[in-house]
Amino acid sequence: MGGLPRDEFLSKRFGLAGLPEHFDAYGQLDLGFSYALSEEIKLTFDVSNLLDENSIRFADVRERVIHNEYTGRRAILGLRGTF
């Protein structure tokens, strides 16, 4: 399990129309595990953005939203083999 909490931060000093651009605070929680089926084969499962967060970029003030990125949850099921 891993996480990525971020406070609001400045991404560009001079962005849209010369205004500073910021990313709003957000957090992302990821989960992953694996299970050995045998010595050579491992089953893996990973989920990114478990809490279904989005990230928002804005110009100067929070009310001037430039970009709202919503990726949703992503899950990956895999099988790994060693030879």
PDB file of N, CA and C in Angstrom:
ATOM      1  N   MET A   1       0.853  -1.153   0.000  1.00  0.00           N
ATOM      2  CA  MET A   1       0.000   0.000   0.000  1.00  0.00           C
ATOM      3  C   MET A   1       0.905   1.223   0.000  1.00  0.00           C
ATOM      4  N   GLY A   2       0.524   2.216  -0.756  1.00  0.00           N
ATOM      5  CA  GLY A   2       1.287   3.453  -0.831  1.00  0.00           C
ATOM      6  C   GLY A   2       0.347   4.629  -1.013  1.00  0.00           C
ATOM      7  N   GLY A   3       0.846   5.787  -0.684  1.00  0.00           N
ATOM      8  CA  GLY A   3       0.014   6.976  -0.822  1.00  0.00           C
ATOM      9  C   GLY A   3       0.834   8.162  -1.273  1.00  0.00           C
ATOM     10  N   LEU A   4       0.146   9.154  -1.785  1.00  0.00           N
ATOM     11  CA  LEU A   4       0.787  10.364  -2.265  1.00  0.00           C
ATOM     12  C   LEU A   4      -0.041  11.568  -1.836  1.00  0.00           C
ATOM     13  N   PRO A   5       0.159  12.072  -0.603  1.00  0.00           N
ATOM     14  CA  PRO A   5      -0.538  13.308  -0.233  1.00  0.00           C
ATOM     15  C   PRO A   5       0.257  14.512  -0.723  1.00  0.00           C
ATOM     16  N   ARG A   6      -0.411  15.487  -1.313  1.00  0.00           N
ATOM     17  CA  ARG A   6       0.259  16.692  -1.788  1.00  0.00           C
ATOM     18  C   ARG A   6      -0.513  17.909  -1.335  1.00  0.00           C
ATOM     19  N   ASP A   7       0.210  18.891  -0.837  1.00  0.00           N
ATOM     20  CA  ASP A   7      -0.392  20.179  -0.532  1.00  0.00           C
ATOM     21  C   ASP A   7      -0.503  20.975  -1.823  1.00  0.00           C
ATOM     22  N   GLU A   8      -1.240  22.061  -1.776  1.00  0.00           N
ATOM     23  CA  GLU A   8      -1.319  22.952  -2.934  1.00  0.00           C
ATOM     24  C   GLU A   8       0.096  23.409  -3.275  1.00  0.00           C
ATOM     25  N   PHE A   9       0.410  23.484  -4.584  1.00  0.00           N
ATOM     26  CA  PHE A   9       1.741  23.939  -4.974  1.00  0.00           C
ATOM     27  C   PHE A   9       1.699  24.721  -6.277  1.00  0.00           C
ATOM     28  N   LEU A  10       2.684  25.591  -6.452  1.00  0.00           N
ATOM     29  CA  LEU A  10       2.835  26.413  -7.648  1.00  0.00           C
ATOM     30  C   LEU A  10       3.480  25.572  -8.736  1.00  0.00           C
ATOM     31  N   SER A  11       2.852  25.524  -9.916  1.00  0.00           N
ATOM     32  CA  SER A  11       3.429  24.747 -11.019  1.00  0.00           C
ATOM     33  C   SER A  11       4.104  25.641 -12.054  1.00  0.00           C
ATOM     34  N   LYS A  12       3.599  26.871 -12.236  1.00  0.00           N
ATOM     35  CA  LYS A  12       4.201  27.824 -13.179  1.00  0.00           C
ATOM     36  C   LYS A  12       4.084  29.235 -12.614  1.00  0.00           C
ATOM     37  N   ARG A  13       5.158  29.994 -12.711  1.00  0.00           N
ATOM     38  CA  ARG A  13       5.084  31.390 -12.249  1.00  0.00           C
ATOM     39  C   ARG A  13       4.256  32.236 -13.203  1.00  0.00           C
ATOM     40  N   PHE A  14       4.386  31.971 -14.502  1.00  0.00           N
ATOM     41  CA  PHE A  14       3.644  32.727 -15.510  1.00  0.00           C
ATOM     42  C   PHE A  14       2.943  31.737 -16.422  1.00  0.00           C
ATOM     43  N   GLY A  15       1.672  31.505 -16.193  1.00  0.00           N
ATOM     44  CA  GLY A  15       0.917  30.561 -16.993  1.00  0.00           C
ATOM     45  C   GLY A  15      -0.099  31.286 -17.856  1.00  0.00           C
ATOM     46  N   LEU A  16      -1.331  30.843 -17.791  1.00  0.00           N
ATOM     47  CA  LEU A  16      -2.428  31.393 -18.565  1.00  0.00           C
ATOM     48  C   LEU A  16      -2.560  32.896 -18.349  1.00  0.00           C
ATOM     49  N   ALA A  17      -2.468  33.663 -19.415  1.00  0.00           N
ATOM     50  CA  ALA A  17      -2.607  35.124 -19.380  1.00  0.00           C
ATOM     51  C   ALA A  17      -1.618  35.772 -18.410  1.00  0.00           C
ATOM     52  N   GLY A  18      -0.463  35.142 -18.228  1.00  0.00           N
ATOM     53  CA  GLY A  18       0.556  35.693 -17.348  1.00  0.00           C
ATOM     54  C   GLY A  18       0.306  35.464 -15.863  1.00  0.00           C
ATOM     55  N   LEU A  19      -0.726  34.706 -15.537  1.00  0.00           N
ATOM     56  CA  LEU A  19      -1.061  34.443 -14.138  1.00  0.00           C
ATOM     57  C   LEU A  19      -0.339  33.193 -13.641  1.00  0.00           C
ATOM     58  N   PRO A  20      -0.005  33.134 -12.357  1.00  0.00           N
ATOM     59  CA  PRO A  20       0.613  31.919 -11.822  1.00  0.00           C
ATOM     60  C   PRO A  20      -0.373  30.758 -11.809  1.00  0.00           C
ATOM     61  N   GLU A  21       0.126  29.563 -12.071  1.00  0.00           N
ATOM     62  CA  GLU A  21      -0.717  28.363 -12.068  1.00  0.00           C
ATOM     63  C   GLU A  21      -0.359  27.494 -10.874  1.00  0.00           C
ATOM     64  N   HIS A  22      -1.382  26.962 -10.218  1.00  0.00           N
ATOM     65  CA  HIS A  22      -1.216  26.121  -9.035  1.00  0.00           C
ATOM     66  C   HIS A  22      -1.945  24.803  -9.226  1.00  0.00           C
ATOM     67  N   PHE A  23      -1.477  23.777  -8.520  1.00  0.00           N
ATOM     68  CA  PHE A  23      -2.233  22.531  -8.379  1.00  0.00           C
ATOM     69  C   PHE A  23      -2.864  22.547  -6.995  1.00  0.00           C
ATOM     70  N   ASP A  24      -4.136  22.201  -6.925  1.00  0.00           N
ATOM     71  CA  ASP A  24      -4.840  22.116  -5.652  1.00  0.00           C
ATOM     72  C   ASP A  24      -4.329  20.902  -4.877  1.00  0.00           C
ATOM     73  N   ALA A  25      -4.479  20.919  -3.568  1.00  0.00           N
ATOM     74  CA  ALA A  25      -4.071  19.794  -2.737  1.00  0.00           C
ATOM     75  C   ALA A  25      -4.884  18.547  -3.107  1.00  0.00           C
ATOM     76  N   TYR A  26      -4.224  17.405  -3.123  1.00  0.00           N
ATOM     77  CA  TYR A  26      -4.919  16.142  -3.392  1.00  0.00           C
ATOM     78  C   TYR A  26      -4.124  14.988  -2.804  1.00  0.00           C
ATOM     79  N   GLY A  27      -4.741  13.856  -2.737  1.00  0.00           N
ATOM     80  CA  GLY A  27      -4.064  12.666  -2.248  1.00  0.00           C
ATOM     81  C   GLY A  27      -4.470  11.470  -3.084  1.00  0.00           C
ATOM     82  N   GLN A  28      -3.565  10.529  -3.187  1.00  0.00           N
ATOM     83  CA  GLN A  28      -3.855   9.320  -3.949  1.00  0.00           C
ATOM     84  C   GLN A  28      -3.391   8.125  -3.136  1.00  0.00           C
ATOM     85  N   LEU A  29      -4.225   7.115  -3.058  1.00  0.00           N
ATOM     86  CA  LEU A  29      -3.894   5.896  -2.322  1.00  0.00           C
ATOM     87  C   LEU A  29      -3.861   4.733  -3.305  1.00  0.00           C
ATOM     88  N   ASP A  30      -2.762   3.981  -3.289  1.00  0.00           N
ATOM     89  CA  ASP A  30      -2.585   2.838  -4.180  1.00  0.00           C
ATOM     90  C   ASP A  30      -2.445   1.566  -3.342  1.00  0.00           C
ATOM     91  N   LEU A  31      -2.864   0.466  -3.915  1.00  0.00           N
ATOM     92  CA  LEU A  31      -2.820  -0.813  -3.221  1.00  0.00           C
ATOM     93  C   LEU A  31      -2.321  -1.876  -4.191  1.00  0.00           C
ATOM     94  N   GLY A  32      -1.468  -2.733  -3.719  1.00  0.00           N
ATOM     95  CA  GLY A  32      -0.981  -3.808  -4.573  1.00  0.00           C
ATOM     96  C   GLY A  32      -0.582  -5.016  -3.747  1.00  0.00           C
ATOM     97  N   PHE A  33      -0.763  -6.172  -4.322  1.00  0.00           N
ATOM     98  CA  PHE A  33      -0.305  -7.385  -3.656  1.00  0.00           C
ATOM     99  C   PHE A  33       0.006  -8.450  -4.693  1.00  0.00           C
ATOM    100  N   SER A  34       0.745  -9.451  -4.239  1.00  0.00           N
ATOM    101  CA  SER A  34       1.070 -10.564  -5.131  1.00  0.00           C
ATOM    102  C   SER A  34       0.961 -11.864  -4.345  1.00  0.00           C
ATOM    103  N   TYR A  35       0.738 -12.928  -5.079  1.00  0.00           N
ATOM    104  CA  TYR A  35       0.592 -14.250  -4.473  1.00  0.00           C
ATOM    105  C   TYR A  35       1.362 -15.243  -5.336  1.00  0.00           C
ATOM    106  N   ALA A  36       2.258 -15.979  -4.704  1.00  0.00           N
ATOM    107  CA  ALA A  36       3.057 -16.971  -5.424  1.00  0.00           C
ATOM    108  C   ALA A  36       2.233 -18.237  -5.630  1.00  0.00           C
ATOM    109  N   LEU A  37       1.931 -18.531  -6.884  1.00  0.00           N
ATOM    110  CA  LEU A  37       1.207 -19.761  -7.215  1.00  0.00           C
ATOM    111  C   LEU A  37       2.154 -20.953  -7.196  1.00  0.00           C
ATOM    112  N   SER A  38       3.418 -20.697  -7.548  1.00  0.00           N
ATOM    113  CA  SER A  38       4.482 -21.698  -7.496  1.00  0.00           C
ATOM    114  C   SER A  38       5.792 -20.922  -7.396  1.00  0.00           C
ATOM    115  N   GLU A  39       6.906 -21.630  -7.441  1.00  0.00           N
ATOM    116  CA  GLU A  39       8.202 -20.938  -7.383  1.00  0.00           C
ATOM    117  C   GLU A  39       8.447 -20.092  -8.632  1.00  0.00           C
ATOM    118  N   GLU A  40       7.841 -20.451  -9.733  1.00  0.00           N
ATOM    119  CA  GLU A  40       8.069 -19.743 -10.993  1.00  0.00           C
ATOM    120  C   GLU A  40       6.966 -18.768 -11.376  1.00  0.00           C
ATOM    121  N   ILE A  41       5.769 -18.905 -10.824  1.00  0.00           N
ATOM    122  CA  ILE A  41       4.620 -18.098 -11.261  1.00  0.00           C
ATOM    123  C   ILE A  41       4.021 -17.325 -10.085  1.00  0.00           C
ATOM    124  N   LYS A  42       3.812 -16.031 -10.332  1.00  0.00           N
ATOM    125  CA  LYS A  42       3.265 -15.150  -9.305  1.00  0.00           C
ATOM    126  C   LYS A  42       2.062 -14.400  -9.879  1.00  0.00           C
ATOM    127  N   LEU A  43       0.974 -14.349  -9.140  1.00  0.00           N
ATOM    128  CA  LEU A  43      -0.226 -13.590  -9.497  1.00  0.00           C
ATOM    129  C   LEU A  43      -0.123 -12.223  -8.829  1.00  0.00           C
ATOM    130  N   THR A  44      -0.348 -11.135  -9.592  1.00  0.00           N
ATOM    131  CA  THR A  44      -0.261  -9.781  -9.038  1.00  0.00           C
ATOM    132  C   THR A  44      -1.571  -9.041  -9.245  1.00  0.00           C
ATOM    133  N   PHE A  45      -1.861  -8.126  -8.333  1.00  0.00           N
ATOM    134  CA  PHE A  45      -3.047  -7.281  -8.433  1.00  0.00           C
ATOM    135  C   PHE A  45      -2.694  -5.908  -7.884  1.00  0.00           C
ATOM    136  N   ASP A  46      -2.941  -4.860  -8.682  1.00  0.00           N
ATOM    137  CA  ASP A  46      -2.644  -3.481  -8.286  1.00  0.00           C
ATOM    138  C   ASP A  46      -3.848  -2.598  -8.560  1.00  0.00           C
ATOM    139  N   VAL A  47      -4.138  -1.695  -7.627  1.00  0.00           N
ATOM    140  CA  VAL A  47      -5.182  -0.681  -7.808  1.00  0.00           C
ATOM    141  C   VAL A  47      -4.553   0.675  -7.565  1.00  0.00           C
ATOM    142  N   SER A  48      -4.665   1.575  -8.543  1.00  0.00           N
ATOM    143  CA  SER A  48      -4.188   2.952  -8.403  1.00  0.00           C
ATOM    144  C   SER A  48      -5.375   3.862  -8.168  1.00  0.00           C
ATOM    145  N   ASN A  49      -5.158   4.893  -7.369  1.00  0.00           N
ATOM    146  CA  ASN A  49      -6.183   5.889  -7.058  1.00  0.00           C
ATOM    147  C   ASN A  49      -7.410   5.229  -6.413  1.00  0.00           C
ATOM    148  N   LEU A  50      -7.160   4.450  -5.392  1.00  0.00           N
ATOM    149  CA  LEU A  50      -8.203   3.695  -4.700  1.00  0.00           C
ATOM    150  C   LEU A  50      -9.349   4.582  -4.194  1.00  0.00           C
ATOM    151  N   LEU A  51      -9.032   5.812  -3.773  1.00  0.00           N
ATOM    152  CA  LEU A  51     -10.050   6.715  -3.233  1.00  0.00           C
ATOM    153  C   LEU A  51     -10.738   7.562  -4.316  1.00  0.00           C
ATOM    154  N   ASP A  52     -10.386   7.316  -5.584  1.00  0.00           N
ATOM    155  CA  ASP A  52     -11.049   7.972  -6.718  1.00  0.00           C
ATOM    156  C   ASP A  52     -10.892   9.501  -6.694  1.00  0.00           C
ATOM    157  N   GLU A  53      -9.679   9.975  -6.419  1.00  0.00           N
ATOM    158  CA  GLU A  53      -9.398  11.412  -6.336  1.00  0.00           C
ATOM    159  C   GLU A  53      -9.160  12.009  -7.718  1.00  0.00           C
ATOM    160  N   ASN A  54      -9.333  13.325  -7.815  1.00  0.00           N
ATOM    161  CA  ASN A  54      -9.005  14.050  -9.038  1.00  0.00           C
ATOM    162  C   ASN A  54      -7.991  15.130  -8.694  1.00  0.00           C
ATOM    163  N   SER A  55      -7.320  15.688  -9.706  1.00  0.00           N
ATOM    164  CA  SER A  55      -6.384  16.785  -9.469  1.00  0.00           C
ATOM    165  C   SER A  55      -6.853  18.000 -10.260  1.00  0.00           C
ATOM    166  N   ILE A  56      -6.729  19.166  -9.631  1.00  0.00           N
ATOM    167  CA  ILE A  56      -7.225  20.416 -10.218  1.00  0.00           C
ATOM    168  C   ILE A  56      -6.078  21.406 -10.322  1.00  0.00           C
ATOM    169  N   ARG A  57      -5.927  21.983 -11.507  1.00  0.00           N
ATOM    170  CA  ARG A  57      -4.958  23.065 -11.728  1.00  0.00           C
ATOM    171  C   ARG A  57      -5.740  24.354 -11.924  1.00  0.00           C
ATOM    172  N   PHE A  58      -5.291  25.419 -11.285  1.00  0.00           N
ATOM    173  CA  PHE A  58      -6.011  26.691 -11.397  1.00  0.00           C
ATOM    174  C   PHE A  58      -5.048  27.853 -11.573  1.00  0.00           C
ATOM    175  N   ALA A  59      -5.572  28.963 -12.085  1.00  0.00           N
ATOM    176  CA  ALA A  59      -4.782  30.173 -12.333  1.00  0.00           C
ATOM    177  C   ALA A  59      -5.055  31.189 -11.237  1.00  0.00           C
ATOM    178  N   ASP A  60      -4.036  31.517 -10.468  1.00  0.00           N
ATOM    179  CA  ASP A  60      -4.045  32.562  -9.458  1.00  0.00           C
ATOM    180  C   ASP A  60      -4.964  32.273  -8.272  1.00  0.00           C
ATOM    181  N   VAL A  61      -6.259  32.119  -8.502  1.00  0.00           N
ATOM    182  CA  VAL A  61      -7.203  31.825  -7.421  1.00  0.00           C
ATOM    183  C   VAL A  61      -7.954  30.538  -7.739  1.00  0.00           C
ATOM    184  N   ARG A  62      -8.400  29.842  -6.699  1.00  0.00           N
ATOM    185  CA  ARG A  62      -9.039  28.513  -6.838  1.00  0.00           C
ATOM    186  C   ARG A  62     -10.255  28.530  -7.763  1.00  0.00           C
ATOM    187  N   GLU A  63     -10.929  29.656  -7.869  1.00  0.00           N
ATOM    188  CA  GLU A  63     -12.143  29.750  -8.698  1.00  0.00           C
ATOM    189  C   GLU A  63     -11.841  29.760 -10.191  1.00  0.00           C
ATOM    190  N   ARG A  64     -10.583  29.977 -10.601  1.00  0.00           N
ATOM    191  CA  ARG A  64     -10.201  29.979 -12.023  1.00  0.00           C
ATOM    192  C   ARG A  64      -9.611  28.624 -12.395  1.00  0.00           C
ATOM    193  N   VAL A  65     -10.463  27.634 -12.505  1.00  0.00           N
ATOM    194  CA  VAL A  65     -10.003  26.271 -12.827  1.00  0.00           C
ATOM    195  C   VAL A  65      -9.576  26.214 -14.291  1.00  0.00           C
ATOM    196  N   ILE A  66      -8.376  25.714 -14.518  1.00  0.00           N
ATOM    197  CA  ILE A  66      -7.842  25.540 -15.872  1.00  0.00           C
ATOM    198  C   ILE A  66      -8.045  24.104 -16.328  1.00  0.00           C
ATOM    199  N   HIS A  67      -7.805  23.175 -15.396  1.00  0.00           N
ATOM    200  CA  HIS A  67      -7.800  21.760 -15.768  1.00  0.00           C
ATOM    201  C   HIS A  67      -8.260  20.934 -14.573  1.00  0.00           C
ATOM    202  N   ASN A  68      -9.199  20.054 -14.802  1.00  0.00           N
ATOM    203  CA  ASN A  68      -9.662  19.127 -13.773  1.00  0.00           C
ATOM    204  C   ASN A  68      -9.418  17.721 -14.313  1.00  0.00           C
ATOM    205  N   GLU A  69      -8.383  17.076 -13.808  1.00  0.00           N
ATOM    206  CA  GLU A  69      -8.013  15.754 -14.311  1.00  0.00           C
ATOM    207  C   GLU A  69      -8.641  14.680 -13.443  1.00  0.00           C
ATOM    208  N   TYR A  70      -9.457  13.860 -14.057  1.00  0.00           N
ATOM    209  CA  TYR A  70     -10.127  12.779 -13.360  1.00  0.00           C
ATOM    210  C   TYR A  70      -9.783  11.479 -14.069  1.00  0.00           C
ATOM    211  N   THR A  71      -8.955  10.675 -13.429  1.00  0.00           N
ATOM    212  CA  THR A  71      -8.539   9.418 -14.061  1.00  0.00           C
ATOM    213  C   THR A  71      -9.318   8.222 -13.536  1.00  0.00           C
ATOM    214  N   GLY A  72      -9.987   8.387 -12.403  1.00  0.00           N
ATOM    215  CA  GLY A  72     -10.730   7.272 -11.817  1.00  0.00           C
ATOM    216  C   GLY A  72      -9.801   6.225 -11.232  1.00  0.00           C
ATOM    217  N   ARG A  73     -10.384   5.153 -10.762  1.00  0.00           N
ATOM    218  CA  ARG A  73      -9.599   4.025 -10.248  1.00  0.00           C
ATOM    219  C   ARG A  73      -9.096   3.188 -11.425  1.00  0.00           C
ATOM    220  N   ARG A  74      -7.916   2.623 -11.243  1.00  0.00           N
ATOM    221  CA  ARG A  74      -7.375   1.741 -12.270  1.00  0.00           C
ATOM    222  C   ARG A  74      -6.908   0.456 -11.595  1.00  0.00           C
ATOM    223  N   ALA A  75      -7.306  -0.664 -12.126  1.00  0.00           N
ATOM    224  CA  ALA A  75      -6.926  -1.957 -11.564  1.00  0.00           C
ATOM    225  C   ALA A  75      -6.205  -2.782 -12.628  1.00  0.00           C
ATOM    226  N   ILE A  76      -5.164  -3.469 -12.191  1.00  0.00           N
ATOM    227  CA  ILE A  76      -4.380  -4.318 -13.091  1.00  0.00           C
ATOM    228  C   ILE A  76      -4.200  -5.681 -12.438  1.00  0.00           C
ATOM    229  N   LEU A  77      -4.554  -6.719 -13.167  1.00  0.00           N
ATOM    230  CA  LEU A  77      -4.351  -8.087 -12.738  1.00  0.00           C
ATOM    231  C   LEU A  77      -3.274  -8.674 -13.642  1.00  0.00           C
ATOM    232  N   GLY A  78      -2.265  -9.279 -13.049  1.00  0.00           N
ATOM    233  CA  GLY A  78      -1.185  -9.784 -13.870  1.00  0.00           C
ATOM    234  C   GLY A  78      -0.675 -11.133 -13.419  1.00  0.00           C
ATOM    235  N   LEU A  79       0.100 -11.726 -14.283  1.00  0.00           N
ATOM    236  CA  LEU A  79       0.732 -13.007 -14.023  1.00  0.00           C
ATOM    237  C   LEU A  79       2.203 -12.871 -14.398  1.00  0.00           C
ATOM    238  N   ARG A  80       3.105 -13.201 -13.486  1.00  0.00           N
ATOM    239  CA  ARG A  80       4.535 -13.092 -13.762  1.00  0.00           C
ATOM    240  C   ARG A  80       5.168 -14.468 -13.672  1.00  0.00           C
ATOM    241  N   GLY A  81       6.072 -14.678 -14.597  1.00  0.00           N
ATOM    242  CA  GLY A  81       6.776 -15.946 -14.613  1.00  0.00           C
ATOM    243  C   GLY A  81       8.269 -15.745 -14.680  1.00  0.00           C
ATOM    244  N   THR A  82       9.017 -16.612 -14.029  1.00  0.00           N
ATOM    245  CA  THR A  82      10.478 -16.588 -14.118  1.00  0.00           C
ATOM    246  C   THR A  82      10.934 -17.905 -14.749  1.00  0.00           C
ATOM    247  N   PHE A  83      12.030 -17.798 -15.487  1.00  0.00           N
ATOM    248  CA  PHE A  83      12.528 -18.958 -16.204  1.00  0.00           C
ATOM    249  C   PHE A  83      13.936 -19.291 -15.763  1.00  0.00           C
TER     250      PHE A  83
END
